[in-house]
N, C-alpha and C. Protein backbone atom coordinates (compact mmCIF):
# COMPACT_ATOMS: atom_id res chain seq x y z
N MET A 1 -17.62 -15.14 22.18
CA MET A 1 -17.55 -13.92 22.96
C MET A 1 -18.77 -13.07 22.60
N THR A 2 -19.51 -12.62 23.56
CA THR A 2 -20.69 -11.80 23.30
C THR A 2 -20.29 -10.35 23.17
N ALA A 3 -21.20 -9.52 22.65
CA ALA A 3 -20.92 -8.09 22.51
C ALA A 3 -20.61 -7.48 23.86
N THR A 4 -21.33 -7.88 24.90
CA THR A 4 -21.11 -7.33 26.23
C THR A 4 -19.73 -7.71 26.74
N GLU A 5 -19.33 -8.97 26.53
CA GLU A 5 -17.99 -9.39 26.94
C GLU A 5 -16.93 -8.60 26.20
N THR A 6 -17.13 -8.38 24.90
CA THR A 6 -16.18 -7.64 24.10
C THR A 6 -16.05 -6.22 24.62
N GLU A 7 -17.18 -5.54 24.86
CA GLU A 7 -17.14 -4.17 25.37
C GLU A 7 -16.42 -4.11 26.70
N THR A 8 -16.68 -5.08 27.58
CA THR A 8 -16.03 -5.10 28.88
C THR A 8 -14.53 -5.25 28.72
N GLU A 9 -14.11 -6.16 27.85
CA GLU A 9 -12.69 -6.38 27.66
C GLU A 9 -12.01 -5.16 27.07
N VAL A 10 -12.67 -4.48 26.12
CA VAL A 10 -12.06 -3.31 25.50
C VAL A 10 -11.91 -2.19 26.52
N ARG A 11 -12.93 -2.01 27.36
CA ARG A 11 -12.88 -0.93 28.35
C ARG A 11 -12.02 -1.28 29.56
N GLY A 12 -11.93 -2.55 29.86
CA GLY A 12 -11.31 -2.97 31.11
C GLY A 12 -9.90 -3.46 30.97
N SER A 13 -9.71 -4.71 31.33
CA SER A 13 -8.37 -5.28 31.41
C SER A 13 -7.78 -5.53 30.03
N PRO A 14 -6.47 -5.65 29.97
CA PRO A 14 -5.80 -5.92 28.69
C PRO A 14 -6.29 -7.22 28.08
N MET A 15 -6.21 -7.30 26.76
CA MET A 15 -6.70 -8.44 26.01
C MET A 15 -5.55 -9.24 25.43
N THR A 16 -5.80 -10.52 25.20
CA THR A 16 -4.80 -11.38 24.58
C THR A 16 -4.80 -11.15 23.07
N ILE A 17 -3.79 -11.67 22.42
CA ILE A 17 -3.71 -11.54 20.97
C ILE A 17 -4.86 -12.27 20.29
N GLN A 18 -5.29 -13.39 20.85
CA GLN A 18 -6.44 -14.12 20.29
C GLN A 18 -7.71 -13.29 20.37
N GLN A 19 -7.93 -12.66 21.51
CA GLN A 19 -9.12 -11.83 21.67
C GLN A 19 -9.09 -10.65 20.70
N VAL A 20 -7.94 -10.01 20.57
CA VAL A 20 -7.82 -8.86 19.67
C VAL A 20 -7.99 -9.29 18.23
N SER A 21 -7.47 -10.45 17.89
CA SER A 21 -7.62 -10.98 16.54
C SER A 21 -9.09 -11.20 16.21
N ARG A 22 -9.82 -11.84 17.11
CA ARG A 22 -11.25 -12.08 16.89
C ARG A 22 -12.02 -10.76 16.79
N LEU A 23 -11.68 -9.83 17.64
CA LEU A 23 -12.39 -8.55 17.69
C LEU A 23 -12.13 -7.70 16.45
N SER A 24 -10.90 -7.70 15.97
CA SER A 24 -10.50 -6.80 14.88
C SER A 24 -10.62 -7.43 13.49
N GLY A 25 -10.64 -8.77 13.44
CA GLY A 25 -10.63 -9.44 12.14
C GLY A 25 -9.23 -9.56 11.55
N LEU A 26 -8.24 -9.11 12.28
CA LEU A 26 -6.85 -9.23 11.82
C LEU A 26 -6.24 -10.50 12.41
N SER A 27 -5.48 -11.21 11.61
CA SER A 27 -4.86 -12.44 12.09
C SER A 27 -3.78 -12.12 13.12
N GLU A 28 -3.44 -13.12 13.91
CA GLU A 28 -2.37 -12.95 14.89
C GLU A 28 -1.04 -12.58 14.22
N PRO A 29 -0.67 -13.25 13.11
CA PRO A 29 0.57 -12.83 12.43
C PRO A 29 0.51 -11.38 11.95
N THR A 30 -0.66 -10.92 11.50
CA THR A 30 -0.79 -9.53 11.06
C THR A 30 -0.61 -8.59 12.23
N LEU A 31 -1.18 -8.92 13.38
CA LEU A 31 -1.00 -8.09 14.57
C LEU A 31 0.47 -8.00 14.96
N ARG A 32 1.17 -9.12 14.91
CA ARG A 32 2.60 -9.11 15.22
C ARG A 32 3.37 -8.26 14.19
N TYR A 33 2.99 -8.40 12.93
CA TYR A 33 3.64 -7.63 11.87
C TYR A 33 3.40 -6.13 12.08
N TYR A 34 2.18 -5.73 12.36
CA TYR A 34 1.89 -4.32 12.58
C TYR A 34 2.69 -3.76 13.74
N GLU A 35 2.91 -4.58 14.76
CA GLU A 35 3.75 -4.15 15.88
C GLU A 35 5.20 -4.03 15.43
N LYS A 36 5.65 -5.01 14.67
CA LYS A 36 7.05 -5.04 14.22
C LYS A 36 7.39 -3.81 13.36
N ILE A 37 6.45 -3.40 12.49
CA ILE A 37 6.74 -2.26 11.60
C ILE A 37 6.36 -0.92 12.23
N GLY A 38 5.86 -0.96 13.47
CA GLY A 38 5.55 0.28 14.17
C GLY A 38 4.20 0.89 13.83
N LEU A 39 3.35 0.14 13.17
CA LEU A 39 2.01 0.66 12.87
C LEU A 39 1.20 0.77 14.16
N ILE A 40 1.42 -0.18 15.06
CA ILE A 40 0.89 -0.06 16.41
C ILE A 40 2.08 -0.04 17.36
N PRO A 41 1.93 0.59 18.51
CA PRO A 41 3.06 0.67 19.43
C PRO A 41 3.42 -0.70 19.99
N ALA A 42 4.63 -0.80 20.53
CA ALA A 42 5.06 -2.05 21.17
C ALA A 42 4.02 -2.44 22.21
N VAL A 43 3.67 -3.70 22.21
CA VAL A 43 2.62 -4.21 23.10
C VAL A 43 3.27 -4.73 24.38
N ASP A 44 2.64 -4.36 25.50
CA ASP A 44 3.13 -4.85 26.79
C ASP A 44 3.05 -6.37 26.84
N ARG A 45 3.90 -6.94 27.66
CA ARG A 45 3.92 -8.40 27.83
C ARG A 45 3.58 -8.75 29.28
N ASP A 46 2.91 -9.87 29.42
CA ASP A 46 2.63 -10.40 30.75
C ASP A 46 3.96 -10.81 31.38
N ARG A 47 4.20 -10.39 32.62
CA ARG A 47 5.48 -10.69 33.27
C ARG A 47 5.74 -12.19 33.42
N ASP A 48 4.70 -12.92 33.72
CA ASP A 48 4.88 -14.36 33.96
C ASP A 48 4.99 -15.18 32.68
N SER A 49 4.09 -14.92 31.73
CA SER A 49 4.05 -15.76 30.53
C SER A 49 4.79 -15.16 29.34
N GLY A 50 4.96 -13.86 29.32
CA GLY A 50 5.59 -13.20 28.18
C GLY A 50 4.62 -12.96 27.03
N HIS A 51 3.35 -13.35 27.21
CA HIS A 51 2.35 -13.15 26.16
C HIS A 51 1.96 -11.69 26.05
N ARG A 52 1.62 -11.29 24.83
CA ARG A 52 1.18 -9.93 24.59
C ARG A 52 -0.12 -9.65 25.33
N ARG A 53 -0.21 -8.41 25.85
CA ARG A 53 -1.43 -7.93 26.49
C ARG A 53 -1.74 -6.57 25.91
N TYR A 54 -2.84 -6.50 25.15
CA TYR A 54 -3.23 -5.29 24.44
C TYR A 54 -4.14 -4.43 25.32
N HIS A 55 -3.73 -3.22 25.56
CA HIS A 55 -4.52 -2.30 26.37
C HIS A 55 -5.64 -1.69 25.54
N PRO A 56 -6.72 -1.27 26.19
CA PRO A 56 -7.91 -0.79 25.47
C PRO A 56 -7.64 0.26 24.39
N ARG A 57 -6.77 1.21 24.66
CA ARG A 57 -6.51 2.25 23.66
C ARG A 57 -5.89 1.66 22.39
N VAL A 58 -4.96 0.73 22.56
CA VAL A 58 -4.34 0.08 21.40
C VAL A 58 -5.37 -0.78 20.67
N VAL A 59 -6.25 -1.41 21.42
CA VAL A 59 -7.30 -2.25 20.81
C VAL A 59 -8.19 -1.39 19.92
N GLU A 60 -8.54 -0.21 20.36
CA GLU A 60 -9.37 0.68 19.54
C GLU A 60 -8.65 1.05 18.24
N THR A 61 -7.36 1.32 18.31
CA THR A 61 -6.57 1.61 17.11
C THR A 61 -6.57 0.39 16.19
N ILE A 62 -6.37 -0.78 16.76
CA ILE A 62 -6.32 -2.01 15.97
C ILE A 62 -7.67 -2.27 15.30
N LYS A 63 -8.76 -2.01 16.00
CA LYS A 63 -10.08 -2.17 15.39
C LYS A 63 -10.22 -1.26 14.17
N SER A 64 -9.74 -0.03 14.28
CA SER A 64 -9.78 0.89 13.14
C SER A 64 -8.93 0.37 11.99
N LEU A 65 -7.74 -0.14 12.32
CA LEU A 65 -6.87 -0.69 11.29
C LEU A 65 -7.51 -1.89 10.61
N GLY A 66 -8.23 -2.70 11.38
CA GLY A 66 -8.94 -3.84 10.80
C GLY A 66 -9.98 -3.39 9.78
N CYS A 67 -10.69 -2.32 10.11
CA CYS A 67 -11.67 -1.77 9.16
C CYS A 67 -10.98 -1.26 7.90
N LEU A 68 -9.89 -0.53 8.09
CA LEU A 68 -9.17 0.02 6.94
C LEU A 68 -8.60 -1.09 6.07
N ARG A 69 -8.05 -2.11 6.70
CA ARG A 69 -7.48 -3.21 5.93
C ARG A 69 -8.56 -3.95 5.15
N SER A 70 -9.75 -4.06 5.73
CA SER A 70 -10.83 -4.77 5.04
C SER A 70 -11.24 -4.05 3.74
N THR A 71 -10.90 -2.78 3.63
CA THR A 71 -11.18 -2.04 2.39
C THR A 71 -10.04 -2.17 1.38
N GLY A 72 -8.96 -2.82 1.80
CA GLY A 72 -7.81 -2.96 0.92
C GLY A 72 -6.82 -1.81 1.04
N MET A 73 -6.97 -0.98 2.07
CA MET A 73 -6.06 0.15 2.24
C MET A 73 -4.65 -0.37 2.50
N SER A 74 -3.68 0.31 1.93
CA SER A 74 -2.28 -0.08 2.09
C SER A 74 -1.76 0.28 3.48
N VAL A 75 -0.70 -0.39 3.87
CA VAL A 75 -0.05 -0.06 5.15
C VAL A 75 0.43 1.38 5.13
N ARG A 76 0.95 1.83 4.00
CA ARG A 76 1.40 3.22 3.89
C ARG A 76 0.27 4.20 4.18
N ASP A 77 -0.90 3.93 3.60
CA ASP A 77 -2.04 4.81 3.84
C ASP A 77 -2.56 4.70 5.28
N MET A 78 -2.51 3.49 5.85
CA MET A 78 -2.91 3.35 7.25
C MET A 78 -1.97 4.14 8.16
N ARG A 79 -0.69 4.10 7.83
CA ARG A 79 0.30 4.86 8.61
C ARG A 79 0.01 6.36 8.49
N ALA A 80 -0.30 6.81 7.28
CA ALA A 80 -0.64 8.23 7.07
C ALA A 80 -1.89 8.59 7.86
N TYR A 81 -2.88 7.71 7.84
CA TYR A 81 -4.12 7.94 8.58
C TYR A 81 -3.83 8.18 10.06
N LEU A 82 -3.07 7.27 10.66
CA LEU A 82 -2.76 7.40 12.07
C LEU A 82 -1.98 8.68 12.37
N SER A 83 -1.07 9.03 11.49
CA SER A 83 -0.28 10.25 11.66
C SER A 83 -1.15 11.49 11.55
N LEU A 84 -2.05 11.51 10.58
CA LEU A 84 -2.91 12.67 10.37
C LEU A 84 -3.94 12.84 11.48
N LEU A 85 -4.31 11.77 12.15
CA LEU A 85 -5.24 11.89 13.27
C LEU A 85 -4.67 12.80 14.36
N ASP A 86 -3.37 12.75 14.53
CA ASP A 86 -2.71 13.56 15.56
C ASP A 86 -2.72 15.04 15.23
N GLU A 87 -3.01 15.40 13.99
CA GLU A 87 -2.98 16.81 13.57
C GLU A 87 -4.30 17.53 13.83
N GLY A 88 -5.30 16.81 14.30
CA GLY A 88 -6.59 17.44 14.58
C GLY A 88 -7.21 17.99 13.31
N ALA A 89 -7.79 19.20 13.41
CA ALA A 89 -8.47 19.81 12.26
C ALA A 89 -7.52 20.02 11.09
N GLY A 90 -6.25 20.21 11.37
CA GLY A 90 -5.27 20.40 10.30
C GLY A 90 -5.10 19.17 9.43
N GLY A 91 -5.49 18.02 9.95
CA GLY A 91 -5.39 16.79 9.16
C GLY A 91 -6.65 16.46 8.39
N ALA A 92 -7.68 17.29 8.52
CA ALA A 92 -8.97 16.96 7.89
C ALA A 92 -8.87 16.87 6.37
N ALA A 93 -8.28 17.86 5.73
CA ALA A 93 -8.20 17.86 4.26
C ALA A 93 -7.37 16.67 3.75
N PRO A 94 -6.19 16.44 4.32
CA PRO A 94 -5.43 15.27 3.85
C PRO A 94 -6.16 13.94 4.12
N LEU A 95 -6.88 13.85 5.24
CA LEU A 95 -7.63 12.64 5.53
C LEU A 95 -8.76 12.46 4.53
N ARG A 96 -9.44 13.55 4.22
CA ARG A 96 -10.51 13.48 3.20
C ARG A 96 -9.93 12.97 1.89
N ASP A 97 -8.78 13.51 1.49
CA ASP A 97 -8.14 13.09 0.23
C ASP A 97 -7.71 11.62 0.28
N LEU A 98 -7.19 11.20 1.42
CA LEU A 98 -6.77 9.81 1.58
C LEU A 98 -7.96 8.88 1.42
N PHE A 99 -9.07 9.20 2.07
CA PHE A 99 -10.26 8.34 1.98
C PHE A 99 -10.89 8.42 0.59
N GLN A 100 -10.87 9.59 -0.02
CA GLN A 100 -11.43 9.70 -1.37
C GLN A 100 -10.61 8.89 -2.37
N ARG A 101 -9.30 8.97 -2.24
CA ARG A 101 -8.41 8.21 -3.13
C ARG A 101 -8.66 6.70 -2.97
N ASN A 102 -8.83 6.25 -1.73
CA ASN A 102 -9.09 4.84 -1.49
C ASN A 102 -10.48 4.43 -1.95
N ALA A 103 -11.45 5.33 -1.82
CA ALA A 103 -12.80 5.04 -2.33
C ALA A 103 -12.77 4.91 -3.85
N ASP A 104 -12.02 5.79 -4.51
CA ASP A 104 -11.88 5.72 -5.96
C ASP A 104 -11.22 4.41 -6.39
N ARG A 105 -10.18 4.00 -5.65
CA ARG A 105 -9.49 2.74 -5.94
C ARG A 105 -10.46 1.57 -5.80
N LEU A 106 -11.21 1.57 -4.73
CA LEU A 106 -12.16 0.49 -4.49
C LEU A 106 -13.26 0.46 -5.55
N GLU A 107 -13.69 1.63 -5.99
CA GLU A 107 -14.70 1.71 -7.05
C GLU A 107 -14.18 1.08 -8.35
N ARG A 108 -12.90 1.34 -8.67
CA ARG A 108 -12.30 0.73 -9.86
C ARG A 108 -12.22 -0.79 -9.71
N GLU A 109 -11.86 -1.25 -8.51
CA GLU A 109 -11.78 -2.69 -8.26
C GLU A 109 -13.16 -3.34 -8.40
N ILE A 110 -14.19 -2.68 -7.90
CA ILE A 110 -15.55 -3.21 -8.00
C ILE A 110 -15.97 -3.30 -9.46
N ALA A 111 -15.65 -2.27 -10.23
CA ALA A 111 -16.01 -2.28 -11.66
C ALA A 111 -15.33 -3.45 -12.36
N LEU A 112 -14.08 -3.69 -12.05
CA LEU A 112 -13.36 -4.82 -12.66
C LEU A 112 -13.97 -6.16 -12.21
N MET A 113 -14.32 -6.25 -10.95
CA MET A 113 -14.96 -7.48 -10.46
C MET A 113 -16.29 -7.71 -11.16
N GLU A 114 -17.03 -6.64 -11.44
CA GLU A 114 -18.30 -6.79 -12.15
C GLU A 114 -18.08 -7.32 -13.57
N VAL A 115 -17.01 -6.87 -14.22
CA VAL A 115 -16.68 -7.38 -15.55
C VAL A 115 -16.33 -8.87 -15.46
N ARG A 116 -15.55 -9.23 -14.46
CA ARG A 116 -15.18 -10.64 -14.28
C ARG A 116 -16.41 -11.50 -14.02
N LEU A 117 -17.32 -10.98 -13.21
CA LEU A 117 -18.56 -11.71 -12.94
C LEU A 117 -19.38 -11.88 -14.22
N ARG A 118 -19.46 -10.82 -15.00
CA ARG A 118 -20.20 -10.89 -16.27
C ARG A 118 -19.58 -11.95 -17.17
N TYR A 119 -18.26 -12.01 -17.24
CA TYR A 119 -17.55 -13.01 -18.03
C TYR A 119 -17.97 -14.42 -17.61
N LEU A 120 -17.94 -14.68 -16.30
CA LEU A 120 -18.29 -16.02 -15.81
C LEU A 120 -19.74 -16.36 -16.10
N ARG A 121 -20.63 -15.41 -15.92
CA ARG A 121 -22.05 -15.66 -16.20
C ARG A 121 -22.26 -15.97 -17.69
N LEU A 122 -21.58 -15.23 -18.55
CA LEU A 122 -21.71 -15.48 -19.99
C LEU A 122 -21.13 -16.84 -20.39
N LYS A 123 -20.03 -17.23 -19.76
CA LYS A 123 -19.48 -18.56 -20.04
C LYS A 123 -20.48 -19.63 -19.62
N ALA A 124 -21.10 -19.44 -18.47
CA ALA A 124 -22.12 -20.41 -18.02
C ALA A 124 -23.28 -20.43 -19.01
N ASP A 125 -23.70 -19.25 -19.47
CA ASP A 125 -24.79 -19.18 -20.46
C ASP A 125 -24.41 -19.89 -21.75
N MET A 126 -23.18 -19.69 -22.19
CA MET A 126 -22.71 -20.32 -23.42
C MET A 126 -22.76 -21.84 -23.30
N TRP A 127 -22.25 -22.37 -22.20
CA TRP A 127 -22.23 -23.82 -22.02
C TRP A 127 -23.63 -24.37 -21.81
N ASP A 128 -24.49 -23.58 -21.16
CA ASP A 128 -25.88 -24.01 -21.01
C ASP A 128 -26.55 -24.10 -22.39
N ALA A 129 -26.30 -23.10 -23.23
CA ALA A 129 -26.88 -23.10 -24.58
C ALA A 129 -26.35 -24.28 -25.38
N ARG A 130 -25.07 -24.55 -25.24
CA ARG A 130 -24.50 -25.68 -25.97
C ARG A 130 -25.12 -27.00 -25.50
N GLU A 131 -25.32 -27.14 -24.20
CA GLU A 131 -25.92 -28.36 -23.68
C GLU A 131 -27.35 -28.53 -24.22
N ARG A 132 -28.06 -27.42 -24.35
CA ARG A 132 -29.44 -27.47 -24.85
C ARG A 132 -29.50 -27.49 -26.38
N ALA A 133 -28.33 -27.42 -27.03
CA ALA A 133 -28.24 -27.39 -28.49
C ALA A 133 -28.97 -26.18 -29.06
N ASP A 134 -28.85 -25.05 -28.36
CA ASP A 134 -29.47 -23.79 -28.80
C ASP A 134 -28.37 -22.92 -29.42
N ALA A 135 -28.16 -23.10 -30.73
CA ALA A 135 -27.07 -22.42 -31.44
C ALA A 135 -27.22 -20.90 -31.38
N GLY A 136 -28.43 -20.40 -31.44
CA GLY A 136 -28.65 -18.95 -31.39
C GLY A 136 -28.22 -18.36 -30.06
N ALA A 137 -28.63 -18.99 -28.97
CA ALA A 137 -28.25 -18.51 -27.63
C ALA A 137 -26.75 -18.63 -27.42
N GLU A 138 -26.16 -19.71 -27.94
CA GLU A 138 -24.71 -19.88 -27.81
C GLU A 138 -23.99 -18.77 -28.56
N ARG A 139 -24.42 -18.44 -29.77
CA ARG A 139 -23.80 -17.39 -30.57
C ARG A 139 -23.91 -16.05 -29.85
N ARG A 140 -25.09 -15.74 -29.28
CA ARG A 140 -25.28 -14.47 -28.55
C ARG A 140 -24.32 -14.39 -27.36
N ALA A 141 -24.20 -15.49 -26.62
CA ALA A 141 -23.29 -15.51 -25.47
C ALA A 141 -21.85 -15.29 -25.92
N ILE A 142 -21.46 -15.92 -27.03
CA ILE A 142 -20.10 -15.76 -27.55
C ILE A 142 -19.87 -14.33 -28.00
N ASP A 143 -20.84 -13.74 -28.66
CA ASP A 143 -20.70 -12.34 -29.10
C ASP A 143 -20.52 -11.41 -27.89
N GLU A 144 -21.32 -11.62 -26.87
CA GLU A 144 -21.18 -10.79 -25.66
C GLU A 144 -19.85 -11.05 -24.97
N LEU A 145 -19.42 -12.30 -24.96
CA LEU A 145 -18.13 -12.65 -24.35
C LEU A 145 -16.98 -11.91 -25.02
N THR A 146 -17.06 -11.76 -26.32
CA THR A 146 -16.01 -11.05 -27.05
C THR A 146 -15.87 -9.62 -26.53
N ASP A 147 -16.98 -8.96 -26.28
CA ASP A 147 -16.94 -7.60 -25.74
C ASP A 147 -16.38 -7.58 -24.33
N VAL A 148 -16.82 -8.54 -23.53
CA VAL A 148 -16.37 -8.59 -22.14
C VAL A 148 -14.87 -8.89 -22.07
N ILE A 149 -14.39 -9.80 -22.90
CA ILE A 149 -12.97 -10.15 -22.90
C ILE A 149 -12.13 -8.92 -23.20
N ASP A 150 -12.59 -8.08 -24.09
CA ASP A 150 -11.86 -6.84 -24.40
C ASP A 150 -11.78 -5.92 -23.18
N ALA A 151 -12.78 -5.97 -22.31
CA ALA A 151 -12.81 -5.13 -21.11
C ALA A 151 -11.89 -5.68 -20.00
N LEU A 152 -11.56 -6.96 -20.08
CA LEU A 152 -10.68 -7.55 -19.07
C LEU A 152 -9.26 -7.14 -19.37
């Protein structure tokens, strides 16, 4: 699907669940789940086939949810986000706090991932040193690993 086709489908006729899944990055089961729990409104069905048909406004909401989910945002926070959007300017402060809290969470996750990456790199260095019979390099890698393990 090209960008032009995607834009046409979003603005124009209703989209299938496959199209919405590709566009949003959310799996078909996730789209069904979001509908089931009321995160997105009930989706219209084709009269003949019974297949879901997503209207452009719902597709835009789903695209936003796909972005939020890609950051690891919880369903609870996504629900709060959608609710606060309806409050206009009155929802600005709570929305700022919601996004700041999620940014802080993601920053902590990134820091932990960096420690895990450092651990793996040091293990590779240690085994490389052992293969080369470089006892000094192996000892340095082990010493650094001890510090990293404490951080995990």
